Amino acid sequence: MLNYIIWNANPDIISHPITVRWYGMMFAIGFLVGYEIVARMFKHEGAPERWLGVLLIWTVLGTIIGARAGHVLFYEWDYYGSHPAEILKIWNGGLASHGGAIGVILGVLCFSWFTTKRSPLWTFDRLVIPIALVGALIRIGNLMNSEIFGGPTSLPWGMWFVRSREWHALYEGVACHPTQIYEAVCYLALFGLLMWMYWKKNLEERPGLIFGVFLIGIFLPRFFIEFIKNNQVAFEDNMALNMGQLLSIPFVLAGLLLVIRAMKRPKLKLKFPNRYADEETTSGKNK
């Protein structure tokens, strides 16, 4: 009996007449489901329906631009600095989750300043719930691409990533940690926790608490899983902590500060009319 799994998944769902990849499909499903979750929250709290489309645009732009910029700046600036035209070729791969997080944060700030006129924490506490789900789906997409896996393991769920050039070059014949699954499981658990906090405990009445728990729940597991992950670029080989871990530390600390701040401040008393409201009647409330 094999003590490893041979992973030979086809990254393409459809190859002809057009190519549809699992990674892109996971991204799309995440945004569609996330939109529905946020829509129910906005209706639950009486926010204007118009805000949904505006927030979706800021979130998509922030995620894609931020993730691409993060990869370029944090991981491969030496290459892209010399080949700037390659930066736009996003279809060739190269997205960084930390950059995506920064991009979403900037997008939410713009959404709050220009649209809601509310504290950005109001948006963060709601938006991060589906983002946890999106994070899990993206890692499943990475699994289908046979990418971002870990180092050797003798555990029975270790995998041979036979479609990966990296695996053949470094580990052929050796099972490796499916770190994509480890992260996906962590993010799905976090998604369940955040949904429970919002729908069962009304903890959105403590501004910043859900956002803080999200930051800790995303980036603390990421920090530890990086110890068994392969480094993404060569310069990380000589680092005590790799780039993913260094970038995770500020997010974890920010999450801790948000949780402490939220628990020290008085709990708000929000109303839940369970219907969309006119923008004029909600502007400036629940700050």
Protein backbone atom coordinates (compact mmCIF):
# COMPACT_ATOMS: atom_id res chain seq x y z
CA MET A 1 0.00 0.00 0.00
CA LEU A 2 1.33 3.42 -0.95
CA ASN A 3 2.13 5.76 1.94
CA TYR A 4 1.71 8.78 -0.28
CA ILE A 5 -0.80 10.23 -2.76
CA ILE A 6 0.02 10.71 -6.43
CA TRP A 7 -1.44 14.11 -7.30
CA ASN A 8 -2.02 14.41 -11.04
CA ALA A 9 -4.96 16.80 -11.26
CA ASN A 10 -5.44 18.66 -14.53
CA PRO A 11 -5.30 22.42 -13.83
CA ASP A 12 -7.69 23.02 -16.74
CA ILE A 13 -11.42 22.45 -16.45
CA ILE A 14 -11.87 23.09 -20.17
CA SER A 15 -9.07 23.28 -22.75
CA HIS A 16 -11.03 23.85 -25.99
CA PRO A 17 -12.26 26.07 -27.55
CA ILE A 18 -11.17 28.25 -24.63
CA THR A 19 -9.11 27.44 -21.57
CA VAL A 20 -10.83 27.61 -18.20
CA ARG A 21 -8.58 26.84 -15.23
CA TRP A 22 -9.54 25.68 -11.76
CA TYR A 23 -7.59 28.55 -10.22
CA GLY A 24 -9.62 31.18 -12.04
CA MET A 25 -12.84 29.30 -11.34
CA MET A 26 -12.07 29.22 -7.59
CA PHE A 27 -11.40 32.96 -7.69
CA ALA A 28 -14.71 33.61 -9.48
CA ILE A 29 -16.74 31.35 -7.16
CA GLY A 30 -15.21 33.09 -4.16
CA PHE A 31 -16.22 36.52 -5.37
CA LEU A 32 -19.74 35.41 -6.33
CA VAL A 33 -20.40 33.70 -3.00
CA GLY A 34 -18.72 36.56 -1.14
CA TYR A 35 -20.96 39.08 -2.89
CA GLU A 36 -24.05 37.16 -1.75
CA ILE A 37 -22.81 36.99 1.85
CA VAL A 38 -22.09 40.72 1.98
CA ALA A 39 -25.46 41.44 0.32
CA ARG A 40 -27.24 39.59 3.12
CA MET A 41 -25.27 41.51 5.73
CA PHE A 42 -26.05 44.86 4.15
CA LYS A 43 -29.74 43.99 3.95
CA HIS A 44 -29.66 42.67 7.54
CA GLU A 45 -28.31 46.00 8.76
CA GLY A 46 -30.23 48.29 6.44
CA ALA A 47 -27.33 49.53 4.32
CA PRO A 48 -28.02 50.87 0.80
CA GLU A 49 -28.05 48.22 -1.88
CA ARG A 50 -26.06 50.49 -4.21
CA TRP A 51 -23.02 50.10 -1.99
CA LEU A 52 -22.66 46.45 -2.98
CA GLY A 53 -21.58 47.11 -6.55
CA VAL A 54 -19.20 49.87 -5.52
CA LEU A 55 -17.59 47.68 -2.87
CA LEU A 56 -17.23 44.79 -5.33
CA ILE A 57 -15.34 47.01 -7.77
CA TRP A 58 -12.95 48.30 -5.09
CA THR A 59 -12.40 44.78 -3.76
CA VAL A 60 -11.69 43.18 -7.14
CA LEU A 61 -9.34 45.98 -8.17
CA GLY A 62 -7.60 45.99 -4.81
CA THR A 63 -7.15 42.21 -4.81
CA ILE A 64 -5.77 41.86 -8.33
CA ILE A 65 -3.63 45.00 -8.46
CA GLY A 66 -2.39 44.55 -4.91
CA ALA A 67 -1.56 40.85 -5.33
CA ARG A 68 0.35 41.52 -8.54
CA ALA A 69 2.17 44.52 -7.13
CA GLY A 70 3.02 42.54 -4.00
CA HIS A 71 4.62 39.74 -6.01
CA VAL A 72 6.57 42.21 -8.13
CA LEU A 73 7.84 44.32 -5.21
CA PHE A 74 8.29 41.68 -2.50
CA TYR A 75 9.55 38.70 -4.47
CA GLU A 76 10.90 39.48 -7.95
CA TRP A 77 11.73 43.16 -8.24
CA ASP A 78 15.15 42.39 -9.72
CA TYR A 79 13.46 40.78 -12.72
CA TYR A 80 10.45 43.05 -13.14
CA GLY A 81 12.49 46.20 -12.55
CA SER A 82 14.44 45.27 -15.67
CA HIS A 83 11.37 44.03 -17.59
CA PRO A 84 8.52 46.42 -16.61
CA ALA A 85 6.32 45.34 -19.53
CA GLU A 86 6.11 41.87 -17.96
CA ILE A 87 4.31 43.30 -14.92
CA LEU A 88 1.07 43.53 -16.90
CA LYS A 89 1.23 39.89 -18.00
CA ILE A 90 -0.68 38.65 -14.99
CA TRP A 91 -1.82 35.54 -16.89
CA ASN A 92 1.75 34.20 -16.60
CA GLY A 93 1.30 33.91 -12.83
CA GLY A 94 2.77 35.78 -9.92
CA LEU A 95 0.33 36.92 -7.21
CA ALA A 96 1.16 37.54 -3.55
CA SER A 97 -1.54 37.23 -0.89
CA HIS A 98 0.07 39.86 1.34
CA GLY A 99 -0.03 42.32 -1.55
CA GLY A 100 -3.65 41.41 -2.15
CA ALA A 101 -4.41 42.12 1.52
CA ILE A 102 -2.79 45.55 1.27
CA GLY A 103 -4.71 46.24 -1.94
CA VAL A 104 -8.03 45.32 -0.34
CA ILE A 105 -7.25 47.52 2.67
CA LEU A 106 -6.60 50.48 0.37
CA GLY A 107 -9.77 49.69 -1.58
CA VAL A 108 -11.87 49.61 1.59
CA LEU A 109 -10.40 52.92 2.72
CA CYS A 110 -11.43 54.49 -0.59
CA PHE A 111 -14.87 52.89 -0.38
CA SER A 112 -15.33 54.28 3.14
CA TRP A 113 -14.09 57.78 2.33
CA PHE A 114 -15.98 58.23 -0.93
CA THR A 115 -19.11 56.08 -0.53
CA THR A 116 -20.21 55.08 2.97
CA LYS A 117 -18.79 58.04 4.93
CA ARG A 118 -18.45 55.55 7.80
CA SER A 119 -15.47 54.24 9.69
CA PRO A 120 -13.50 51.75 7.56
CA LEU A 121 -13.87 49.27 10.42
CA TRP A 122 -17.57 49.00 9.58
CA THR A 123 -16.68 47.64 6.15
CA PHE A 124 -13.71 45.54 7.26
CA ASP A 125 -15.78 43.71 9.90
CA ARG A 126 -18.17 42.53 7.20
CA LEU A 127 -15.97 42.12 4.15
CA VAL A 128 -13.30 39.95 5.77
CA ILE A 129 -15.82 37.17 6.45
CA PRO A 130 -16.18 36.13 2.80
CA ILE A 131 -12.52 36.96 2.18
CA ALA A 132 -11.61 34.06 4.49
CA LEU A 133 -13.65 31.80 2.22
CA VAL A 134 -11.99 33.26 -0.88
CA GLY A 135 -8.59 32.54 0.67
CA ALA A 136 -9.52 28.88 1.11
CA LEU A 137 -10.77 28.60 -2.47
CA ILE A 138 -7.61 30.19 -3.84
CA ARG A 139 -5.49 27.63 -2.00
CA ILE A 140 -7.62 24.88 -3.58
CA GLY A 141 -6.82 26.53 -6.91
CA ASN A 142 -3.12 26.36 -6.01
CA LEU A 143 -3.56 22.65 -5.28
CA MET A 144 -5.15 22.09 -8.69
CA ASN A 145 -2.15 23.91 -10.22
CA SER A 146 0.26 21.66 -8.26
CA GLU A 147 2.00 24.76 -6.90
CA ILE A 148 2.98 26.28 -3.53
CA PHE A 149 3.50 22.91 -1.83
CA GLY A 150 5.81 22.04 1.04
CA GLY A 151 8.94 20.07 1.69
CA PRO A 152 9.37 16.31 2.10
CA THR A 153 7.18 14.35 4.53
CA SER A 154 6.62 10.73 5.49
CA LEU A 155 3.01 11.40 6.55
CA PRO A 156 0.41 9.25 4.75
CA TRP A 157 -1.18 12.29 3.08
CA GLY A 158 2.11 13.43 1.53
CA MET A 159 1.83 13.98 -2.22
CA TRP A 160 3.81 13.43 -5.38
CA PHE A 161 3.06 16.54 -7.45
CA VAL A 162 3.79 14.85 -10.76
CA ARG A 163 2.65 17.81 -12.90
CA SER A 164 5.04 20.21 -11.15
CA ARG A 165 8.42 20.97 -12.71
CA GLU A 166 9.61 22.17 -9.31
CA TRP A 167 8.71 18.84 -7.71
CA HIS A 168 10.54 16.87 -10.41
CA ALA A 169 13.60 19.10 -10.06
CA LEU A 170 13.80 19.02 -6.27
CA TYR A 171 11.87 16.05 -4.90
CA GLU A 172 11.13 13.48 -7.59
CA GLY A 173 10.24 10.21 -5.88
CA VAL A 174 9.64 11.93 -2.52
CA ALA A 175 6.26 12.86 -1.03
CA CYS A 176 5.76 16.49 0.00
CA HIS A 177 3.45 18.35 2.36
CA PRO A 178 0.23 19.50 0.63
CA THR A 179 0.48 22.88 2.33
CA GLN A 180 -2.27 24.23 0.07
CA ILE A 181 -4.68 21.92 1.90
CA TYR A 182 -3.34 22.92 5.31
CA GLU A 183 -3.98 26.59 4.57
CA ALA A 184 -7.37 25.92 2.97
CA VAL A 185 -8.54 24.03 6.07
CA CYS A 186 -7.36 26.85 8.36
CA TYR A 187 -9.13 29.48 6.30
CA LEU A 188 -12.36 27.47 6.09
CA ALA A 189 -12.33 27.09 9.88
CA LEU A 190 -11.77 30.83 10.20
CA PHE A 191 -14.67 31.50 7.82
CA GLY A 192 -16.95 29.39 10.02
CA LEU A 193 -15.78 31.20 13.16
CA LEU A 194 -16.34 34.65 11.65
CA MET A 195 -19.81 33.71 10.40
CA TRP A 196 -20.64 32.51 13.92
CA MET A 197 -19.31 35.74 15.42
CA TYR A 198 -21.46 37.86 13.10
CA TRP A 199 -24.72 35.93 12.80
CA LYS A 200 -24.92 34.23 16.20
CA LYS A 201 -23.10 36.58 18.57
CA ASN A 202 -23.62 39.98 16.88
CA LEU A 203 -19.96 40.79 17.47
CA GLU A 204 -20.06 43.35 14.68
CA GLU A 205 -21.30 45.53 17.54
CA ARG A 206 -17.68 45.63 18.70
CA PRO A 207 -16.03 47.54 15.82
CA GLY A 208 -12.76 46.00 14.73
CA LEU A 209 -13.15 42.71 16.61
CA ILE A 210 -14.10 40.56 13.61
CA PHE A 211 -11.42 42.25 11.51
CA GLY A 212 -8.81 41.65 14.20
CA VAL A 213 -9.71 37.96 14.56
CA PHE A 214 -9.52 37.65 10.76
CA LEU A 215 -6.00 39.08 10.60
CA ILE A 216 -4.80 36.74 13.33
CA GLY A 217 -6.64 33.74 11.86
CA ILE A 218 -5.22 34.27 8.37
CA PHE A 219 -1.66 35.30 9.01
CA LEU A 220 -0.73 33.35 12.15
CA PRO A 221 -1.37 29.94 10.50
CA ARG A 222 0.39 31.27 7.40
CA PHE A 223 3.43 32.17 9.53
CA PHE A 224 3.76 28.63 10.93
CA ILE A 225 2.92 26.78 7.70
CA GLU A 226 5.71 28.71 5.96
CA PHE A 227 8.22 26.66 8.00
CA ILE A 228 7.35 23.56 5.95
CA LYS A 229 6.69 25.38 2.66
CA ASN A 230 9.16 25.74 -0.16
CA ASN A 231 10.60 29.22 -0.54
CA GLN A 232 9.13 31.02 -3.52
CA VAL A 233 12.33 32.78 -4.64
CA ALA A 234 16.03 32.00 -4.23
CA PHE A 235 16.95 34.93 -1.97
CA GLU A 236 14.74 33.47 0.79
CA ASP A 237 17.05 30.46 1.16
CA ASN A 238 19.48 32.47 3.30
CA MET A 239 16.82 34.06 5.51
CA ALA A 240 15.92 32.88 9.03
CA LEU A 241 12.32 33.82 8.28
CA ASN A 242 11.15 33.93 4.69
CA MET A 243 9.36 36.85 3.05
CA GLY A 244 5.91 35.41 3.69
CA GLN A 245 6.64 35.16 7.42
CA LEU A 246 8.14 38.64 7.67
CA LEU A 247 5.12 40.11 5.91
CA SER A 248 2.72 38.17 8.16
CA ILE A 249 4.08 39.55 11.45
CA PRO A 250 2.70 43.12 11.06
CA PHE A 251 -0.74 41.77 10.16
CA VAL A 252 -0.83 39.52 13.25
CA LEU A 253 0.25 42.40 15.50
CA ALA A 254 -2.38 44.67 13.94
CA GLY A 255 -4.99 41.98 14.58
CA LEU A 256 -4.03 41.71 18.24
CA LEU A 257 -4.25 45.48 18.66
CA LEU A 258 -7.69 45.56 17.01
CA VAL A 259 -9.01 42.79 19.27
CA ILE A 260 -7.71 44.53 22.42
CA ARG A 261 -9.13 47.86 21.27
CA ALA A 262 -12.54 46.36 20.46
CA MET A 263 -12.84 44.59 23.81
CA LYS A 264 -11.93 47.71 25.78
CA ARG A 265 -14.50 49.94 24.12
CA PRO A 266 -18.25 49.98 24.81
CA LYS A 267 -20.38 47.68 22.71
CA LEU A 268 -22.58 49.41 20.14
CA LYS A 269 -26.33 48.86 19.88
CA LEU A 270 -27.08 48.37 16.20
CA LYS A 271 -30.47 48.03 14.57
CA PHE A 272 -31.21 45.21 12.15
CA PRO A 273 -34.19 46.19 9.95
CA ASN A 274 -33.53 43.36 7.46
CA ARG A 275 -34.14 45.55 4.43
CA TYR A 276 -32.05 47.77 2.22
CA ALA A 277 -32.28 51.45 3.08
CA ASP A 278 -32.02 54.65 1.14
CA GLU A 279 -28.51 56.05 1.31
CA GLU A 280 -29.74 59.35 2.66
CA THR A 281 -31.22 57.68 5.74
CA THR A 282 -28.07 55.72 6.64
CA SER A 283 -25.25 58.12 5.88
CA GLY A 284 -23.22 58.80 8.95
CA LYS A 285 -24.85 56.15 11.17
CA ASN A 286 -23.09 53.35 13.05
CA LYS A 287 -19.75 55.04 12.91
